[in-house]
Amino acid sequence: MDSSTRPSYPTRCEQCDKPMDSPIACSSCGALTELPADAFNCFELFGVAPGFDIDLDALHRKYLQLSRLIHPDLTGAADEPDRRRSLMLSARFNQAYEVLRHPVNRAEYLLRLAGGANCCEDKSVPEDLLGRILTLREQIDEAREEGRTEVLAELGSQTRASRAAAMDRIAHLARVLAGGDSQPETCRELRQQLNAVKYWDSLLEQISAARPDDPTQ
């Protein structure tokens, strides 16, 4: 992931010359950037280095702070162009927050920055995953039909453990990408693990639907 051609942040405000925590708004004077909303990646919008490990509490505080600066109803924009710019910045900022605060979204974004394929371009999954998923689906359906809630509970535990293992691998691979190693095999495995998580999530939904009265679901 090469960021050598991109500017470093925080920058200094063009209006008051004070350091900025984010390139889109100055927390000192409230000036908004004149650049397009999509001129910065999600990490740059929050003034943090690209990486999988993020302080979520600090991210949320930054989100609240900057949201107050760029929200169109709070900026006091006097004319339509300023209000439109504020709206676009706010929408982009909200989108970036959703990307960074969720581990799967964050890993997907790091993969995108590294030039990896998205889920539409590469639908592959780890070897033997589809066979495991098919077997588990059959077991879930059988347990549901027989009313065997204890079996469903055990299948749920197995599925959550498998998802957690996939997320551990995703975290490792995303850290590798953020560290500058964007080898094709790294990107391909991360894509496969991210695809796998969708299967595990789908299974968990199937189990939850089969146990509608279970308060733990």
C-alpha atoms as a PDB file:
ATOM      1  CA  MET A   1       0.000   0.000   0.000  1.00  0.00           C
ATOM      2  CA  ASP A   2       1.968   2.952  -1.293  1.00  0.00           C
ATOM      3  CA  SER A   3       1.011   6.310   0.184  1.00  0.00           C
ATOM      4  CA  SER A   4       4.249   8.059  -0.764  1.00  0.00           C
ATOM      5  CA  THR A   5       2.518  10.259  -3.334  1.00  0.00           C
ATOM      6  CA  ARG A   6      -0.202  11.409  -0.939  1.00  0.00           C
ATOM      7  CA  PRO A   7       0.143  14.322   1.486  1.00  0.00           C
ATOM      8  CA  SER A   8       0.668  13.714   5.186  1.00  0.00           C
ATOM      9  CA  TYR A   9      -1.929  14.732   7.770  1.00  0.00           C
ATOM     10  CA  PRO A  10      -2.666  16.649   9.900  1.00  0.00           C
ATOM     11  CA  THR A  11      -2.100  19.657   7.678  1.00  0.00           C
ATOM     12  CA  ARG A  12      -2.307  23.327   8.574  1.00  0.00           C
ATOM     13  CA  CYS A  13      -5.467  25.311   8.013  1.00  0.00           C
ATOM     14  CA  GLU A  14      -5.333  27.679   5.046  1.00  0.00           C
ATOM     15  CA  GLN A  15      -7.499  30.162   6.945  1.00  0.00           C
ATOM     16  CA  CYS A  16      -5.905  30.345  10.387  1.00  0.00           C
ATOM     17  CA  ASP A  17      -2.653  28.390   9.798  1.00  0.00           C
ATOM     18  CA  LYS A  18      -3.274  26.138  12.796  1.00  0.00           C
ATOM     19  CA  PRO A  19      -2.749  22.337  12.653  1.00  0.00           C
ATOM     20  CA  MET A  20      -5.745  20.321  11.494  1.00  0.00           C
ATOM     21  CA  ASP A  21      -6.801  16.953  12.916  1.00  0.00           C
ATOM     22  CA  SER A  22      -8.541  16.180   9.627  1.00  0.00           C
ATOM     23  CA  PRO A  23      -8.044  17.610   6.125  1.00  0.00           C
ATOM     24  CA  ILE A  24     -11.742  18.383   5.726  1.00  0.00           C
ATOM     25  CA  ALA A  25     -12.324  20.837   8.590  1.00  0.00           C
ATOM     26  CA  CYS A  26     -10.334  23.000  10.974  1.00  0.00           C
ATOM     27  CA  SER A  27     -11.265  22.474  14.613  1.00  0.00           C
ATOM     28  CA  SER A  28      -9.837  25.909  15.463  1.00  0.00           C
ATOM     29  CA  CYS A  29     -11.691  28.204  13.070  1.00  0.00           C
ATOM     30  CA  GLY A  30     -14.248  25.846  11.512  1.00  0.00           C
ATOM     31  CA  ALA A  31     -13.080  26.358   7.930  1.00  0.00           C
ATOM     32  CA  LEU A  32     -14.029  23.558   5.541  1.00  0.00           C
ATOM     33  CA  THR A  33     -11.816  22.239   2.781  1.00  0.00           C
ATOM     34  CA  GLU A  34     -12.381  23.498  -0.729  1.00  0.00           C
ATOM     35  CA  LEU A  35     -11.366  20.111  -2.137  1.00  0.00           C
ATOM     36  CA  PRO A  36     -13.952  17.518  -3.294  1.00  0.00           C
ATOM     37  CA  ALA A  37     -15.349  15.205  -0.634  1.00  0.00           C
ATOM     38  CA  ASP A  38     -13.786  12.173  -2.288  1.00  0.00           C
ATOM     39  CA  ALA A  39     -10.286  13.695  -2.437  1.00  0.00           C
ATOM     40  CA  PHE A  40      -9.280  11.834   0.728  1.00  0.00           C
ATOM     41  CA  ASN A  41      -9.458   8.199   1.728  1.00  0.00           C
ATOM     42  CA  CYS A  42     -11.312   7.109   4.854  1.00  0.00           C
ATOM     43  CA  PHE A  43      -8.215   7.074   7.037  1.00  0.00           C
ATOM     44  CA  GLU A  44      -7.146  10.532   5.912  1.00  0.00           C
ATOM     45  CA  LEU A  45     -10.572  11.961   6.716  1.00  0.00           C
ATOM     46  CA  PHE A  46     -10.001  10.986  10.346  1.00  0.00           C
ATOM     47  CA  GLY A  47      -6.325  11.921  10.347  1.00  0.00           C
ATOM     48  CA  VAL A  48      -5.163   8.396  11.181  1.00  0.00           C
ATOM     49  CA  ALA A  49      -2.609   6.152   9.505  1.00  0.00           C
ATOM     50  CA  PRO A  50      -3.998   3.267   7.403  1.00  0.00           C
ATOM     51  CA  GLY A  51      -4.208   0.150   9.551  1.00  0.00           C
ATOM     52  CA  PHE A  52      -6.485  -2.553  10.846  1.00  0.00           C
ATOM     53  CA  ASP A  53      -6.030  -1.758  14.540  1.00  0.00           C
ATOM     54  CA  ILE A  54      -7.923   1.406  15.432  1.00  0.00           C
ATOM     55  CA  ASP A  55      -8.807   2.988  18.775  1.00  0.00           C
ATOM     56  CA  LEU A  56     -12.590   2.900  18.368  1.00  0.00           C
ATOM     57  CA  ASP A  57     -13.238   5.237  21.302  1.00  0.00           C
ATOM     58  CA  ALA A  58     -10.890   7.834  19.823  1.00  0.00           C
ATOM     59  CA  LEU A  59     -12.482   7.309  16.400  1.00  0.00           C
ATOM     60  CA  HIS A  60     -15.929   7.963  17.848  1.00  0.00           C
ATOM     61  CA  ARG A  61     -14.765  11.105  19.644  1.00  0.00           C
ATOM     62  CA  LYS A  62     -13.220  12.394  16.422  1.00  0.00           C
ATOM     63  CA  TYR A  63     -16.434  11.557  14.580  1.00  0.00           C
ATOM     64  CA  LEU A  64     -18.553  13.575  16.999  1.00  0.00           C
ATOM     65  CA  GLN A  65     -16.103  16.483  16.974  1.00  0.00           C
ATOM     66  CA  LEU A  66     -15.830  16.754  13.201  1.00  0.00           C
ATOM     67  CA  SER A  67     -19.513  16.045  12.585  1.00  0.00           C
ATOM     68  CA  ARG A  68     -20.342  19.227  14.470  1.00  0.00           C
ATOM     69  CA  LEU A  69     -17.977  21.167  12.235  1.00  0.00           C
ATOM     70  CA  ILE A  70     -19.238  19.928   8.885  1.00  0.00           C
ATOM     71  CA  HIS A  71     -22.932  19.174   9.407  1.00  0.00           C
ATOM     72  CA  PRO A  72     -24.925  21.487   7.091  1.00  0.00           C
ATOM     73  CA  ASP A  73     -27.358  22.450   9.857  1.00  0.00           C
ATOM     74  CA  LEU A  74     -24.532  23.472  12.201  1.00  0.00           C
ATOM     75  CA  THR A  75     -22.021  25.183   9.915  1.00  0.00           C
ATOM     76  CA  GLY A  76     -24.134  28.260   9.335  1.00  0.00           C
ATOM     77  CA  ALA A  77     -23.575  28.037   5.584  1.00  0.00           C
ATOM     78  CA  ALA A  78     -25.032  31.215   4.114  1.00  0.00           C
ATOM     79  CA  ASP A  79     -25.406  30.225   0.472  1.00  0.00           C
ATOM     80  CA  GLU A  80     -26.397  27.169  -1.534  1.00  0.00           C
ATOM     81  CA  PRO A  81     -22.887  26.235  -2.775  1.00  0.00           C
ATOM     82  CA  ASP A  82     -21.529  26.222   0.787  1.00  0.00           C
ATOM     83  CA  ARG A  83     -24.463  24.173   2.027  1.00  0.00           C
ATOM     84  CA  ARG A  84     -24.082  21.702  -0.834  1.00  0.00           C
ATOM     85  CA  ARG A  85     -20.366  21.322  -0.071  1.00  0.00           C
ATOM     86  CA  SER A  86     -21.169  20.780   3.604  1.00  0.00           C
ATOM     87  CA  LEU A  87     -23.734  18.116   2.685  1.00  0.00           C
ATOM     88  CA  MET A  88     -21.261  16.242   0.497  1.00  0.00           C
ATOM     89  CA  LEU A  89     -18.533  16.387   3.142  1.00  0.00           C
ATOM     90  CA  SER A  90     -20.934  15.192   5.825  1.00  0.00           C
ATOM     91  CA  ALA A  91     -22.157  12.273   3.706  1.00  0.00           C
ATOM     92  CA  ARG A  92     -18.603  11.243   2.845  1.00  0.00           C
ATOM     93  CA  PHE A  93     -17.526  11.549   6.474  1.00  0.00           C
ATOM     94  CA  ASN A  94     -20.425   9.385   7.697  1.00  0.00           C
ATOM     95  CA  GLN A  95     -19.563   6.774   5.076  1.00  0.00           C
ATOM     96  CA  ALA A  96     -15.922   6.762   6.183  1.00  0.00           C
ATOM     97  CA  TYR A  97     -16.965   6.288   9.804  1.00  0.00           C
ATOM     98  CA  GLU A  98     -19.036   3.226   8.928  1.00  0.00           C
ATOM     99  CA  VAL A  99     -16.070   1.803   7.016  1.00  0.00           C
ATOM    100  CA  LEU A 100     -13.552   2.298   9.809  1.00  0.00           C
ATOM    101  CA  ARG A 101     -15.607   1.287  12.818  1.00  0.00           C
ATOM    102  CA  HIS A 102     -16.511  -2.205  11.556  1.00  0.00           C
ATOM    103  CA  PRO A 103     -13.650  -4.750  11.328  1.00  0.00           C
ATOM    104  CA  VAL A 104     -14.961  -6.444   8.170  1.00  0.00           C
ATOM    105  CA  ASN A 105     -15.560  -3.116   6.405  1.00  0.00           C
ATOM    106  CA  ARG A 106     -12.138  -1.898   7.502  1.00  0.00           C
ATOM    107  CA  ALA A 107     -10.418  -4.997   6.121  1.00  0.00           C
ATOM    108  CA  GLU A 108     -12.387  -4.691   2.886  1.00  0.00           C
ATOM    109  CA  TYR A 109     -11.228  -1.105   2.563  1.00  0.00           C
ATOM    110  CA  LEU A 110      -7.584  -1.946   3.219  1.00  0.00           C
ATOM    111  CA  LEU A 111      -7.863  -4.605   0.531  1.00  0.00           C
ATOM    112  CA  ARG A 112      -9.310  -2.035  -1.859  1.00  0.00           C
ATOM    113  CA  LEU A 113      -6.478   0.413  -1.115  1.00  0.00           C
ATOM    114  CA  ALA A 114      -4.000  -2.373  -1.837  1.00  0.00           C
ATOM    115  CA  GLY A 115      -5.587  -2.984  -5.233  1.00  0.00           C
ATOM    116  CA  GLY A 116      -7.262  -6.260  -4.293  1.00  0.00           C
ATOM    117  CA  ALA A 117     -10.432  -7.626  -5.878  1.00  0.00           C
ATOM    118  CA  ASN A 118     -13.882  -6.920  -4.475  1.00  0.00           C
ATOM    119  CA  CYS A 119     -16.442  -9.640  -3.740  1.00  0.00           C
ATOM    120  CA  CYS A 120     -18.025  -9.295  -7.184  1.00  0.00           C
ATOM    121  CA  GLU A 121     -14.715  -9.733  -8.969  1.00  0.00           C
ATOM    122  CA  ASP A 122     -13.542 -12.693  -6.873  1.00  0.00           C
ATOM    123  CA  LYS A 123     -16.092 -14.984  -5.228  1.00  0.00           C
ATOM    124  CA  SER A 124     -13.573 -17.650  -4.205  1.00  0.00           C
ATOM    125  CA  VAL A 125     -13.432 -19.042  -0.659  1.00  0.00           C
ATOM    126  CA  PRO A 126     -10.944 -21.155   1.301  1.00  0.00           C
ATOM    127  CA  GLU A 127     -10.638 -24.768   0.249  1.00  0.00           C
ATOM    128  CA  ASP A 128     -13.321 -27.125   1.607  1.00  0.00           C
ATOM    129  CA  LEU A 129     -15.427 -24.237   2.970  1.00  0.00           C
ATOM    130  CA  LEU A 130     -18.409 -24.837   0.716  1.00  0.00           C
ATOM    131  CA  GLY A 131     -18.536 -28.505   1.679  1.00  0.00           C
ATOM    132  CA  ARG A 132     -18.526 -27.564   5.371  1.00  0.00           C
ATOM    133  CA  ILE A 133     -21.248 -24.976   4.828  1.00  0.00           C
ATOM    134  CA  LEU A 134     -23.455 -27.456   2.959  1.00  0.00           C
ATOM    135  CA  THR A 135     -23.084 -30.057   5.725  1.00  0.00           C
ATOM    136  CA  LEU A 136     -23.894 -27.516   8.431  1.00  0.00           C
ATOM    137  CA  ARG A 137     -26.952 -26.256   6.569  1.00  0.00           C
ATOM    138  CA  GLU A 138     -28.281 -29.807   6.328  1.00  0.00           C
ATOM    139  CA  GLN A 139     -27.631 -30.357  10.028  1.00  0.00           C
ATOM    140  CA  ILE A 140     -29.394 -27.104  10.903  1.00  0.00           C
ATOM    141  CA  ASP A 141     -32.448 -27.995   8.822  1.00  0.00           C
ATOM    142  CA  GLU A 142     -32.604 -31.475  10.330  1.00  0.00           C
ATOM    143  CA  ALA A 143     -32.300 -30.175  13.888  1.00  0.00           C
ATOM    144  CA  ARG A 144     -34.969 -27.537  13.240  1.00  0.00           C
ATOM    145  CA  GLU A 145     -37.401 -30.080  11.820  1.00  0.00           C
ATOM    146  CA  GLU A 146     -36.836 -32.367  14.806  1.00  0.00           C
ATOM    147  CA  GLY A 147     -37.041 -29.529  17.326  1.00  0.00           C
ATOM    148  CA  ARG A 148     -33.592 -30.335  18.730  1.00  0.00           C
ATOM    149  CA  THR A 149     -32.658 -26.996  20.224  1.00  0.00           C
ATOM    150  CA  GLU A 150     -29.569 -28.385  21.952  1.00  0.00           C
ATOM    151  CA  VAL A 151     -28.166 -29.432  18.577  1.00  0.00           C
ATOM    152  CA  LEU A 152     -28.921 -25.998  17.156  1.00  0.00           C
ATOM    153  CA  ALA A 153     -27.114 -24.448  20.113  1.00  0.00           C
ATOM    154  CA  GLU A 154     -24.037 -26.590  19.471  1.00  0.00           C
ATOM    155  CA  LEU A 155     -24.108 -25.796  15.752  1.00  0.00           C
ATOM    156  CA  GLY A 156     -24.311 -22.124  16.656  1.00  0.00           C
ATOM    157  CA  SER A 157     -21.243 -22.436  18.863  1.00  0.00           C
ATOM    158  CA  GLN A 158     -19.335 -24.201  16.103  1.00  0.00           C
ATOM    159  CA  THR A 159     -20.302 -21.559  13.557  1.00  0.00           C
ATOM    160  CA  ARG A 160     -19.330 -18.668  15.824  1.00  0.00           C
ATOM    161  CA  ALA A 161     -15.964 -20.320  16.480  1.00  0.00           C
ATOM    162  CA  SER A 162     -15.384 -20.732  12.738  1.00  0.00           C
ATOM    163  CA  ARG A 163     -16.304 -17.111  12.121  1.00  0.00           C
ATOM    164  CA  ALA A 164     -13.963 -15.977  14.884  1.00  0.00           C
ATOM    165  CA  ALA A 165     -11.131 -17.996  13.336  1.00  0.00           C
ATOM    166  CA  ALA A 166     -11.804 -16.357   9.969  1.00  0.00           C
ATOM    167  CA  MET A 167     -11.774 -12.921  11.603  1.00  0.00           C
ATOM    168  CA  ASP A 168      -8.443 -13.684  13.282  1.00  0.00           C
ATOM    169  CA  ARG A 169      -6.983 -14.541   9.893  1.00  0.00           C
ATOM    170  CA  ILE A 170      -8.547 -11.439   8.352  1.00  0.00           C
ATOM    171  CA  ALA A 171      -6.981  -9.268  11.050  1.00  0.00           C
ATOM    172  CA  HIS A 172      -3.554 -10.783  10.410  1.00  0.00           C
ATOM    173  CA  LEU A 173      -3.768 -10.366   6.641  1.00  0.00           C
ATOM    174  CA  ALA A 174      -5.108  -6.818   6.910  1.00  0.00           C
ATOM    175  CA  ARG A 175      -2.191  -5.895   9.164  1.00  0.00           C
ATOM    176  CA  VAL A 176       0.181  -7.351   6.588  1.00  0.00           C
ATOM    177  CA  LEU A 177      -1.399  -5.214   3.862  1.00  0.00           C
ATOM    178  CA  ALA A 178      -1.311  -2.089   6.012  1.00  0.00           C
ATOM    179  CA  GLY A 179       2.367  -2.781   6.623  1.00  0.00           C
ATOM    180  CA  GLY A 180       3.067  -2.432   2.916  1.00  0.00           C
ATOM    181  CA  ASP A 181       2.973  -6.063   1.754  1.00  0.00           C
ATOM    182  CA  SER A 182       0.389  -6.115  -1.026  1.00  0.00           C
ATOM    183  CA  GLN A 183       1.532  -9.344  -2.651  1.00  0.00           C
ATOM    184  CA  PRO A 184      -1.167 -10.946  -4.853  1.00  0.00           C
ATOM    185  CA  GLU A 185      -1.328 -14.044  -2.644  1.00  0.00           C
ATOM    186  CA  THR A 186      -1.972 -11.899   0.442  1.00  0.00           C
ATOM    187  CA  CYS A 187      -4.754  -9.993  -1.293  1.00  0.00           C
ATOM    188  CA  ARG A 188      -6.257 -13.216  -2.652  1.00  0.00           C
ATOM    189  CA  GLU A 189      -6.334 -14.934   0.743  1.00  0.00           C
ATOM    190  CA  LEU A 190      -7.839 -11.882   2.414  1.00  0.00           C
ATOM    191  CA  ARG A 191     -10.536 -11.788  -0.266  1.00  0.00           C
ATOM    192  CA  GLN A 192     -11.300 -15.468   0.361  1.00  0.00           C
ATOM    193  CA  GLN A 193     -11.524 -15.015   4.128  1.00  0.00           C
ATOM    194  CA  LEU A 194     -13.799 -11.998   3.761  1.00  0.00           C
ATOM    195  CA  ASN A 195     -16.028 -14.029   1.455  1.00  0.00           C
ATOM    196  CA  ALA A 196     -16.019 -16.840   4.021  1.00  0.00           C
ATOM    197  CA  VAL A 197     -17.283 -14.533   6.784  1.00  0.00           C
ATOM    198  CA  LYS A 198     -20.387 -13.858   4.710  1.00  0.00           C
ATOM    199  CA  TYR A 199     -21.127 -17.578   4.659  1.00  0.00           C
ATOM    200  CA  TRP A 200     -20.652 -17.856   8.423  1.00  0.00           C
ATOM    201  CA  ASP A 201     -22.922 -14.853   8.991  1.00  0.00           C
ATOM    202  CA  SER A 202     -25.566 -16.417   6.762  1.00  0.00           C
ATOM    203  CA  LEU A 203     -25.383 -19.643   8.759  1.00  0.00           C
ATOM    204  CA  LEU A 204     -25.781 -17.756  12.025  1.00  0.00           C
ATOM    205  CA  GLU A 205     -28.886 -16.080  10.612  1.00  0.00           C
ATOM    206  CA  GLN A 206     -30.256 -19.491   9.635  1.00  0.00           C
ATOM    207  CA  ILE A 207     -29.648 -20.822  13.150  1.00  0.00           C
ATOM    208  CA  SER A 208     -31.225 -17.744  14.720  1.00  0.00           C
ATOM    209  CA  ALA A 209     -34.322 -18.158  12.551  1.00  0.00           C
ATOM    210  CA  ALA A 210     -34.535 -21.802  13.597  1.00  0.00           C
ATOM    211  CA  ARG A 211     -34.491 -20.776  17.295  1.00  0.00           C
ATOM    212  CA  PRO A 212     -36.882 -17.797  17.391  1.00  0.00           C
ATOM    213  CA  ASP A 213     -37.714 -18.231  21.068  1.00  0.00           C
ATOM    214  CA  ASP A 214     -34.120 -18.497  22.275  1.00  0.00           C
ATOM    215  CA  PRO A 215     -33.280 -15.374  24.346  1.00  0.00           C
ATOM    216  CA  THR A 216     -29.538 -15.838  23.672  1.00  0.00           C
ATOM    217  CA  GLN A 217     -29.935 -15.298  19.933  1.00  0.00           C
END
